[in-house]
Every structure is written in structure tokens, then in C-alpha cells.
């Protein structure tokens, strides 16, 4: 049973994309989601925009790269929070274009 759990964890975590510094530095504002995937690969998690009661966007949509179990769980529990400072994140505007991005705190 333990081997199956380990194998499952390896498959789940092994699929997480961690962009290289070279590729991440090629991001620019206005890129489409398709262009980001072509450059960085599939994100490890995606968050839709968090809206307030009045419909205004409190936290824009963003993708995270390099999630671990802690950042993945935090993102699932606290959907109205910005990306963790422990992962690479790409933020999108209402039209689905890159508006900004952040590197993890340890990579700055």
C-alpha cells in the first residue's frame, strides 16, 4: 500500500512544471494564455479571478508554476488570496493576457 501512495505522489508532483530562469525571463505583458503555455508549459495550478460582492476583481486570475503540497493546498483553501511568494506566478487581465508576473522570494 505504501508503494502505491509513493507512486501516486511521484506522479502528481512529477507533473508540476518549474520554469527555467531563461524561459521565465521571456515573459512579457500582453502575452496570451496559449503563448504562456508554449513558453513555460502547463502550470501546476490555475486560479480564476476572485471577485467581491459587488463584482469587482479583488485578485486577478493567475497561474502558479512549481507548486508543492503546501502551496497547492493553500491555493485550494484560500482562493481569494494572491499567489504564494514560494512559486512562480503569472497574472492575467480580464482579456486573458499577461498583466504581470512574480518570481518566488527565494529566486530574487
C-alpha atoms as a PDB file:
ATOM      1  CA  UNK A   1       0.000   0.000   0.000  1.00  0.00           C
ATOM      2  CA  UNK A   2       2.817   2.414   0.857  1.00  0.00           C
ATOM      3  CA  UNK A   3       4.399   1.892  -2.564  1.00  0.00           C
ATOM      4  CA  UNK A   4       1.151   2.899  -4.258  1.00  0.00           C
ATOM      5  CA  UNK A   5       0.949   6.083  -2.212  1.00  0.00           C
ATOM      6  CA  UNK A   6       4.551   6.914  -3.039  1.00  0.00           C
ATOM      7  CA  UNK A   7       3.989   6.205  -6.746  1.00  0.00           C
ATOM      8  CA  UNK A   8       0.882   8.382  -6.764  1.00  0.00           C
ATOM      9  CA  UNK A   9       2.741  11.253  -5.070  1.00  0.00           C
ATOM     10  CA  UNK A  10       5.598  10.980  -7.571  1.00  0.00           C
ATOM     11  CA  UNK A  11       3.168  11.099 -10.484  1.00  0.00           C
ATOM     12  CA  UNK A  12       1.294  14.082  -9.083  1.00  0.00           C
ATOM     13  CA  UNK A  13       4.351  16.089  -8.075  1.00  0.00           C
ATOM     14  CA  UNK A  14       6.364  14.980 -11.073  1.00  0.00           C
ATOM     15  CA  UNK A  15       3.863  16.701 -13.337  1.00  0.00           C
ATOM     16  CA  UNK A  16       4.483  20.108 -11.775  1.00  0.00           C
ATOM     17  CA  UNK A  17       6.223  22.450 -14.155  1.00  0.00           C
ATOM     18  CA  UNK A  18       9.093  24.550 -12.881  1.00  0.00           C
ATOM     19  CA  UNK A  19      10.123  27.108 -15.490  1.00  0.00           C
ATOM     20  CA  UNK A  20      13.759  27.790 -16.120  1.00  0.00           C
ATOM     21  CA  UNK A  21      15.006  31.274 -15.338  1.00  0.00           C
ATOM     22  CA  UNK A  22      15.777  31.731 -19.034  1.00  0.00           C
ATOM     23  CA  UNK A  23      12.206  30.939 -20.106  1.00  0.00           C
ATOM     24  CA  UNK A  24      10.599  32.907 -17.288  1.00  0.00           C
ATOM     25  CA  UNK A  25      12.593  35.994 -18.293  1.00  0.00           C
ATOM     26  CA  UNK A  26      10.999  35.804 -21.772  1.00  0.00           C
ATOM     27  CA  UNK A  27       7.533  36.634 -20.395  1.00  0.00           C
ATOM     28  CA  UNK A  28       6.106  39.994 -21.388  1.00  0.00           C
ATOM     29  CA  UNK A  29       2.855  41.827 -20.800  1.00  0.00           C
ATOM     30  CA  UNK A  30       0.146  41.172 -23.350  1.00  0.00           C
ATOM     31  CA  UNK A  31       1.048  37.512 -23.981  1.00  0.00           C
ATOM     32  CA  UNK A  32      -1.946  35.201 -24.402  1.00  0.00           C
ATOM     33  CA  UNK A  33      -2.542  32.122 -22.279  1.00  0.00           C
ATOM     34  CA  UNK A  34      -1.633  29.962 -25.292  1.00  0.00           C
ATOM     35  CA  UNK A  35       1.701  31.787 -25.650  1.00  0.00           C
ATOM     36  CA  UNK A  36       2.451  31.323 -21.946  1.00  0.00           C
ATOM     37  CA  UNK A  37       1.797  27.571 -22.170  1.00  0.00           C
ATOM     38  CA  UNK A  38       4.005  27.349 -25.271  1.00  0.00           C
ATOM     39  CA  UNK A  39       6.813  29.115 -23.386  1.00  0.00           C
ATOM     40  CA  UNK A  40       6.523  27.706 -19.856  1.00  0.00           C
ATOM     41  CA  UNK A  41       4.407  24.571 -20.226  1.00  0.00           C
ATOM     42  CA  UNK A  42       1.238  23.764 -18.303  1.00  0.00           C
ATOM     43  CA  UNK A  43       1.011  25.424 -14.868  1.00  0.00           C
ATOM     44  CA  UNK A  44       0.866  23.334 -11.724  1.00  0.00           C
ATOM     45  CA  UNK A  45      -2.294  25.206 -10.699  1.00  0.00           C
ATOM     46  CA  UNK A  46      -4.694  27.819 -12.088  1.00  0.00           C
ATOM     47  CA  UNK A  47      -6.780  30.277 -10.105  1.00  0.00           C
ATOM     48  CA  UNK A  48      -9.719  32.180 -11.531  1.00  0.00           C
ATOM     49  CA  UNK A  49     -10.208  35.837 -10.639  1.00  0.00           C
ATOM     50  CA  UNK A  50     -11.599  36.396  -7.131  1.00  0.00           C
ATOM     51  CA  UNK A  51     -14.441  38.901  -7.179  1.00  0.00           C
ATOM     52  CA  UNK A  52     -16.006  40.872  -4.365  1.00  0.00           C
ATOM     53  CA  UNK A  53     -19.729  41.007  -3.667  1.00  0.00           C
ATOM     54  CA  UNK A  54     -20.052  43.997  -5.973  1.00  0.00           C
ATOM     55  CA  UNK A  55     -18.358  42.121  -8.835  1.00  0.00           C
ATOM     56  CA  UNK A  56     -15.052  43.961  -8.737  1.00  0.00           C
ATOM     57  CA  UNK A  57     -11.918  41.876  -9.122  1.00  0.00           C
ATOM     58  CA  UNK A  58     -10.064  41.615  -5.804  1.00  0.00           C
ATOM     59  CA  UNK A  59      -7.399  39.195  -7.052  1.00  0.00           C
ATOM     60  CA  UNK A  60      -6.833  38.733 -10.791  1.00  0.00           C
ATOM     61  CA  UNK A  61      -6.647  35.290 -12.392  1.00  0.00           C
ATOM     62  CA  UNK A  62      -3.210  33.717 -12.097  1.00  0.00           C
ATOM     63  CA  UNK A  63      -1.289  30.555 -12.826  1.00  0.00           C
ATOM     64  CA  UNK A  64       1.301  29.077 -10.498  1.00  0.00           C
ATOM     65  CA  UNK A  65       4.377  27.104 -11.506  1.00  0.00           C
ATOM     66  CA  UNK A  66       6.363  24.967  -9.083  1.00  0.00           C
ATOM     67  CA  UNK A  67       3.638  24.235  -6.543  1.00  0.00           C
ATOM     68  CA  UNK A  68       4.352  21.877  -3.701  1.00  0.00           C
ATOM     69  CA  UNK A  69       1.724  20.285  -1.482  1.00  0.00           C
ATOM     70  CA  UNK A  70       1.672  23.294   0.843  1.00  0.00           C
ATOM     71  CA  UNK A  71       1.182  25.953  -1.844  1.00  0.00           C
ATOM     72  CA  UNK A  72      -1.289  23.760  -3.723  1.00  0.00           C
ATOM     73  CA  UNK A  73      -3.377  23.214  -0.575  1.00  0.00           C
ATOM     74  CA  UNK A  74      -3.231  26.913   0.353  1.00  0.00           C
ATOM     75  CA  UNK A  75      -4.430  27.875  -3.117  1.00  0.00           C
ATOM     76  CA  UNK A  76      -7.316  25.420  -2.869  1.00  0.00           C
ATOM     77  CA  UNK A  77      -8.368  26.663   0.573  1.00  0.00           C
ATOM     78  CA  UNK A  78      -7.842  30.411   0.125  1.00  0.00           C
ATOM     79  CA  UNK A  79      -8.997  31.170  -3.405  1.00  0.00           C
ATOM     80  CA  UNK A  80      -9.316  34.887  -2.698  1.00  0.00           C
ATOM     81  CA  UNK A  81      -5.597  35.276  -1.935  1.00  0.00           C
ATOM     82  CA  UNK A  82      -2.831  36.228  -4.372  1.00  0.00           C
ATOM     83  CA  UNK A  83      -0.213  33.693  -5.418  1.00  0.00           C
ATOM     84  CA  UNK A  84       2.203  32.389  -2.821  1.00  0.00           C
ATOM     85  CA  UNK A  85       5.618  34.014  -2.749  1.00  0.00           C
ATOM     86  CA  UNK A  86       7.087  30.486  -2.865  1.00  0.00           C
ATOM     87  CA  UNK A  87       6.157  29.839  -6.510  1.00  0.00           C
ATOM     88  CA  UNK A  88       6.454  31.433  -9.930  1.00  0.00           C
ATOM     89  CA  UNK A  89       3.160  33.136 -10.821  1.00  0.00           C
ATOM     90  CA  UNK A  90       1.741  34.677 -13.977  1.00  0.00           C
ATOM     91  CA  UNK A  91      -1.234  37.048 -13.617  1.00  0.00           C
ATOM     92  CA  UNK A  92      -3.798  37.645 -16.362  1.00  0.00           C
ATOM     93  CA  UNK A  93      -6.128  40.553 -17.102  1.00  0.00           C
ATOM     94  CA  UNK A  94      -9.833  40.223 -17.952  1.00  0.00           C
ATOM     95  CA  UNK A  95      -8.978  39.504 -21.609  1.00  0.00           C
ATOM     96  CA  UNK A  96      -6.718  36.575 -20.659  1.00  0.00           C
ATOM     97  CA  UNK A  97      -3.443  38.389 -21.377  1.00  0.00           C
ATOM     98  CA  UNK A  98      -0.417  38.588 -19.110  1.00  0.00           C
ATOM     99  CA  UNK A  99      -0.574  41.663 -16.898  1.00  0.00           C
ATOM    100  CA  UNK A 100       2.355  40.865 -14.569  1.00  0.00           C
ATOM    101  CA  UNK A 101       4.340  38.013 -13.061  1.00  0.00           C
ATOM    102  CA  UNK A 102       6.350  37.213  -9.970  1.00  0.00           C
ATOM    103  CA  UNK A 103       9.312  35.040  -9.149  1.00  0.00           C
ATOM    104  CA  UNK A 104       9.444  33.107  -5.885  1.00  0.00           C
ATOM    105  CA  UNK A 105      11.008  35.031  -2.996  1.00  0.00           C
ATOM    106  CA  UNK A 106      13.971  32.644  -2.917  1.00  0.00           C
ATOM    107  CA  UNK A 107      14.762  33.415  -6.593  1.00  0.00           C
ATOM    108  CA  UNK A 108      15.003  37.200  -6.249  1.00  0.00           C
END
